[in-house]
Each structure stands twice: as C-alpha cells, then as structure tokens.
Amino acid sequence: MIDQELLDILACPETKEEVRLASDAEIASLNEKIKSGNLVNRGGEKVTEPIDGGLVRADGKYLYPIREEIPIMLIDEAIPLSTEAGSS
C-alpha cells in the first residue's frame, strides 16, 4: 500500500491537515455506497469506480481515494465522510 514516508509528507491540499490511512471497514462501507450509486464527491460527481484505499483528513470530514496505489489528492475528488447530507 502507501509507503510510511510518503504518508508522513502527504497533507490535505485544502487545509494542510495530516491524513491517515482509512481502515478496511471505512473502505468497505464506501465501496458499498459506490456500488449502490449513492456516493458523490466534493465536485458533485457520482463516484462509480470502487476505491482500493483512502486517506482520511485529520478532522475526519473527507477521504482522498487511493486507486492503483496512487493517492488522488484533489479537493474535488475528495469523498465527504459526514452523513448529514446523505441517506444512511
């Protein structure tokens, strides 16, 4: 997966907060939402491809997806983790 040295230097491009690797349970939950067509990224686009992993911002609000071992550190590609706007 992601090298610890790389993880240590990665930060949220918006807030510069640290990021941590998402747990397997977090990834499984998001992939279920992707499969059911219920996941939209910050750019307002529906997420259609399953993610291999993710980096969660320190405040827990957003996850940056990891696809083919590459972290996608773009603000619009971030996946909101709060459930206030969506269905559960």
N, C-alpha and C. Protein backbone atom coordinates (compact mmCIF):
# COMPACT_ATOMS: atom_id res chain seq x y z
N MET A 1 0.85 -1.19 0.00
CA MET A 1 0.00 0.00 0.00
C MET A 1 0.89 1.25 0.00
N ILE A 2 0.52 2.25 0.76
CA ILE A 2 1.25 3.52 0.77
C ILE A 2 2.46 3.43 1.71
N ASP A 3 3.59 3.89 1.21
CA ASP A 3 4.81 3.93 1.99
C ASP A 3 4.67 4.92 3.15
N GLN A 4 5.15 4.55 4.33
CA GLN A 4 5.02 5.42 5.51
C GLN A 4 5.69 6.78 5.29
N GLU A 5 6.81 6.81 4.60
CA GLU A 5 7.48 8.09 4.34
C GLU A 5 6.59 9.01 3.50
N LEU A 6 5.92 8.43 2.50
CA LEU A 6 5.01 9.21 1.68
C LEU A 6 3.83 9.70 2.51
N LEU A 7 3.28 8.81 3.33
CA LEU A 7 2.16 9.17 4.19
C LEU A 7 2.53 10.33 5.12
N ASP A 8 3.77 10.32 5.60
CA ASP A 8 4.23 11.38 6.52
C ASP A 8 4.28 12.76 5.86
N ILE A 9 4.48 12.82 4.54
CA ILE A 9 4.57 14.13 3.89
C ILE A 9 3.27 14.56 3.21
N LEU A 10 2.34 13.61 3.02
CA LEU A 10 1.07 13.98 2.40
C LEU A 10 0.22 14.78 3.36
N ALA A 11 -0.52 15.73 2.82
CA ALA A 11 -1.43 16.55 3.62
C ALA A 11 -2.62 16.94 2.76
N CYS A 12 -3.70 17.30 3.41
CA CYS A 12 -4.88 17.76 2.69
C CYS A 12 -4.51 19.01 1.89
N PRO A 13 -4.82 19.04 0.58
CA PRO A 13 -4.47 20.21 -0.22
C PRO A 13 -5.28 21.45 0.15
N GLU A 14 -6.39 21.26 0.84
CA GLU A 14 -7.24 22.39 1.22
C GLU A 14 -6.81 23.00 2.55
N THR A 15 -6.68 22.15 3.58
CA THR A 15 -6.42 22.66 4.93
C THR A 15 -5.00 22.41 5.42
N LYS A 16 -4.24 21.60 4.67
CA LYS A 16 -2.88 21.20 5.05
C LYS A 16 -2.84 20.31 6.29
N GLU A 17 -4.00 19.77 6.67
CA GLU A 17 -4.04 18.84 7.80
C GLU A 17 -3.38 17.53 7.41
N GLU A 18 -2.92 16.80 8.42
CA GLU A 18 -2.36 15.47 8.18
C GLU A 18 -3.47 14.55 7.70
N VAL A 19 -3.06 13.46 7.06
CA VAL A 19 -4.01 12.43 6.64
C VAL A 19 -3.55 11.09 7.20
N ARG A 20 -4.50 10.18 7.36
CA ARG A 20 -4.20 8.83 7.85
C ARG A 20 -4.83 7.84 6.88
N LEU A 21 -4.31 6.63 6.88
CA LEU A 21 -4.89 5.59 6.04
C LEU A 21 -6.26 5.21 6.57
N ALA A 22 -7.21 5.07 5.68
CA ALA A 22 -8.55 4.64 6.06
C ALA A 22 -8.51 3.17 6.46
N SER A 23 -9.39 2.80 7.36
CA SER A 23 -9.47 1.39 7.78
C SER A 23 -10.16 0.57 6.70
N ASP A 24 -9.97 -0.74 6.78
CA ASP A 24 -10.65 -1.64 5.83
C ASP A 24 -12.16 -1.47 5.93
N ALA A 25 -12.67 -1.26 7.14
CA ALA A 25 -14.11 -1.10 7.34
C ALA A 25 -14.61 0.18 6.66
N GLU A 26 -13.83 1.26 6.76
CA GLU A 26 -14.22 2.52 6.11
C GLU A 26 -14.26 2.34 4.59
N ILE A 27 -13.27 1.66 4.04
CA ILE A 27 -13.21 1.44 2.59
C ILE A 27 -14.37 0.55 2.15
N ALA A 28 -14.64 -0.51 2.91
CA ALA A 28 -15.74 -1.42 2.57
C ALA A 28 -17.07 -0.67 2.57
N SER A 29 -17.27 0.19 3.56
CA SER A 29 -18.51 0.96 3.65
C SER A 29 -18.66 1.89 2.45
N LEU A 30 -17.58 2.58 2.09
CA LEU A 30 -17.63 3.48 0.93
C LEU A 30 -17.86 2.71 -0.36
N ASN A 31 -17.21 1.56 -0.51
CA ASN A 31 -17.39 0.77 -1.72
C ASN A 31 -18.83 0.26 -1.85
N GLU A 32 -19.49 -0.02 -0.72
CA GLU A 32 -20.91 -0.40 -0.75
C GLU A 32 -21.75 0.76 -1.29
N LYS A 33 -21.45 1.98 -0.83
CA LYS A 33 -22.18 3.16 -1.30
C LYS A 33 -21.91 3.40 -2.79
N ILE A 34 -20.66 3.17 -3.22
CA ILE A 34 -20.32 3.33 -4.63
C ILE A 34 -21.12 2.31 -5.46
N LYS A 35 -21.16 1.07 -4.98
CA LYS A 35 -21.86 0.01 -5.70
C LYS A 35 -23.35 0.32 -5.84
N SER A 36 -23.94 0.93 -4.80
CA SER A 36 -25.37 1.24 -4.85
C SER A 36 -25.65 2.58 -5.52
N GLY A 37 -24.59 3.28 -5.96
CA GLY A 37 -24.78 4.53 -6.68
C GLY A 37 -25.12 5.72 -5.80
N ASN A 38 -24.75 5.64 -4.51
CA ASN A 38 -25.12 6.68 -3.55
C ASN A 38 -23.97 7.54 -3.08
N LEU A 39 -22.87 7.57 -3.82
CA LEU A 39 -21.71 8.33 -3.34
C LEU A 39 -21.33 9.41 -4.35
N VAL A 40 -21.24 10.65 -3.85
CA VAL A 40 -20.91 11.80 -4.68
C VAL A 40 -19.68 12.47 -4.07
N ASN A 41 -18.72 12.86 -4.91
CA ASN A 41 -17.52 13.53 -4.39
C ASN A 41 -17.77 15.03 -4.22
N ARG A 42 -16.76 15.74 -3.74
CA ARG A 42 -16.93 17.18 -3.49
C ARG A 42 -17.20 17.97 -4.74
N GLY A 43 -16.76 17.47 -5.88
CA GLY A 43 -17.02 18.14 -7.14
C GLY A 43 -18.44 17.94 -7.64
N GLY A 44 -19.24 17.14 -6.90
CA GLY A 44 -20.63 16.91 -7.27
C GLY A 44 -20.81 15.76 -8.25
N GLU A 45 -19.73 15.03 -8.53
CA GLU A 45 -19.83 13.92 -9.47
C GLU A 45 -20.02 12.61 -8.74
N LYS A 46 -20.85 11.74 -9.31
CA LYS A 46 -21.07 10.42 -8.72
C LYS A 46 -19.79 9.60 -8.84
N VAL A 47 -19.41 8.95 -7.74
CA VAL A 47 -18.24 8.08 -7.73
C VAL A 47 -18.70 6.72 -8.23
N THR A 48 -18.12 6.24 -9.33
CA THR A 48 -18.58 4.98 -9.93
C THR A 48 -17.56 3.85 -9.81
N GLU A 49 -16.28 4.18 -9.61
CA GLU A 49 -15.25 3.15 -9.52
C GLU A 49 -14.95 2.85 -8.06
N PRO A 50 -14.89 1.57 -7.69
CA PRO A 50 -14.51 1.22 -6.32
C PRO A 50 -13.12 1.76 -5.99
N ILE A 51 -12.88 2.04 -4.73
CA ILE A 51 -11.58 2.55 -4.33
C ILE A 51 -10.78 1.44 -3.64
N ASP A 52 -9.46 1.48 -3.82
CA ASP A 52 -8.57 0.48 -3.23
C ASP A 52 -8.24 0.82 -1.78
N GLY A 53 -8.32 2.10 -1.48
CA GLY A 53 -7.97 2.58 -0.16
C GLY A 53 -8.28 4.06 -0.10
N GLY A 54 -7.88 4.69 0.99
CA GLY A 54 -8.14 6.11 1.09
C GLY A 54 -7.32 6.74 2.20
N LEU A 55 -7.21 8.06 2.10
CA LEU A 55 -6.52 8.85 3.11
C LEU A 55 -7.56 9.78 3.74
N VAL A 56 -7.75 9.64 5.03
CA VAL A 56 -8.75 10.42 5.75
C VAL A 56 -8.09 11.64 6.36
N ARG A 57 -8.69 12.81 6.12
CA ARG A 57 -8.19 14.05 6.69
C ARG A 57 -8.29 13.99 8.21
N ALA A 58 -7.39 14.66 8.90
CA ALA A 58 -7.31 14.59 10.37
C ALA A 58 -8.63 14.92 11.05
N ASP A 59 -9.44 15.83 10.48
CA ASP A 59 -10.71 16.17 11.10
C ASP A 59 -11.82 15.16 10.78
N GLY A 60 -11.49 14.17 9.94
CA GLY A 60 -12.45 13.11 9.63
C GLY A 60 -13.55 13.48 8.66
N LYS A 61 -13.48 14.66 8.06
CA LYS A 61 -14.56 15.11 7.18
C LYS A 61 -14.47 14.57 5.76
N TYR A 62 -13.26 14.32 5.27
CA TYR A 62 -13.09 13.90 3.88
C TYR A 62 -12.08 12.78 3.75
N LEU A 63 -12.29 11.97 2.70
CA LEU A 63 -11.36 10.92 2.35
C LEU A 63 -10.88 11.16 0.93
N TYR A 64 -9.57 11.10 0.74
CA TYR A 64 -8.98 11.18 -0.59
C TYR A 64 -8.78 9.74 -1.06
N PRO A 65 -9.38 9.38 -2.21
CA PRO A 65 -9.31 7.98 -2.64
C PRO A 65 -7.93 7.57 -3.10
N ILE A 66 -7.64 6.28 -2.96
CA ILE A 66 -6.41 5.69 -3.49
C ILE A 66 -6.84 4.70 -4.56
N ARG A 67 -6.32 4.89 -5.76
CA ARG A 67 -6.62 3.98 -6.86
C ARG A 67 -5.30 3.50 -7.45
N GLU A 68 -5.16 2.17 -7.57
CA GLU A 68 -3.93 1.57 -8.09
C GLU A 68 -2.70 2.11 -7.36
N GLU A 69 -2.82 2.21 -6.05
CA GLU A 69 -1.75 2.65 -5.14
C GLU A 69 -1.35 4.11 -5.32
N ILE A 70 -2.18 4.89 -6.00
CA ILE A 70 -1.89 6.31 -6.19
C ILE A 70 -2.94 7.14 -5.44
N PRO A 71 -2.51 7.95 -4.45
CA PRO A 71 -3.47 8.80 -3.76
C PRO A 71 -3.92 9.94 -4.68
N ILE A 72 -5.22 10.14 -4.75
CA ILE A 72 -5.80 11.20 -5.58
C ILE A 72 -6.04 12.41 -4.66
N MET A 73 -5.05 13.29 -4.58
CA MET A 73 -5.09 14.40 -3.63
C MET A 73 -5.65 15.67 -4.27
N LEU A 74 -6.83 15.57 -4.84
CA LEU A 74 -7.50 16.71 -5.46
C LEU A 74 -8.76 17.02 -4.65
N ILE A 75 -8.97 18.30 -4.34
CA ILE A 75 -10.10 18.69 -3.50
C ILE A 75 -11.43 18.19 -4.06
N ASP A 76 -11.65 18.35 -5.37
CA ASP A 76 -12.92 17.93 -5.96
C ASP A 76 -13.12 16.42 -5.95
N GLU A 77 -12.02 15.67 -5.86
CA GLU A 77 -12.13 14.20 -5.85
C GLU A 77 -12.35 13.65 -4.44
N ALA A 78 -12.21 14.50 -3.43
CA ALA A 78 -12.39 14.06 -2.04
C ALA A 78 -13.82 13.58 -1.83
N ILE A 79 -13.96 12.56 -1.00
CA ILE A 79 -15.27 11.99 -0.71
C ILE A 79 -15.68 12.43 0.69
N PRO A 80 -16.84 13.12 0.80
CA PRO A 80 -17.31 13.54 2.12
C PRO A 80 -17.64 12.32 2.99
N LEU A 81 -17.20 12.35 4.22
CA LEU A 81 -17.48 11.25 5.14
C LEU A 81 -18.63 11.55 6.09
N SER A 82 -19.05 12.80 6.16
CA SER A 82 -20.16 13.13 7.04
C SER A 82 -21.45 12.62 6.42
N THR A 83 -22.38 12.19 7.26
CA THR A 83 -23.63 11.62 6.75
C THR A 83 -24.78 12.61 6.83
N GLU A 84 -24.51 13.87 7.21
CA GLU A 84 -25.61 14.81 7.40
C GLU A 84 -26.36 15.11 6.10
N ALA A 85 -25.67 15.05 4.95
CA ALA A 85 -26.32 15.43 3.69
C ALA A 85 -26.90 14.21 2.96
N GLY A 86 -26.44 13.02 3.31
CA GLY A 86 -26.87 11.86 2.55
C GLY A 86 -27.77 10.92 3.32
N SER A 87 -28.22 9.88 2.66
CA SER A 87 -29.02 8.87 3.34
C SER A 87 -28.08 7.83 3.93
N SER A 88 -28.54 7.13 4.94
CA SER A 88 -27.65 6.17 5.57
C SER A 88 -27.95 4.74 5.16
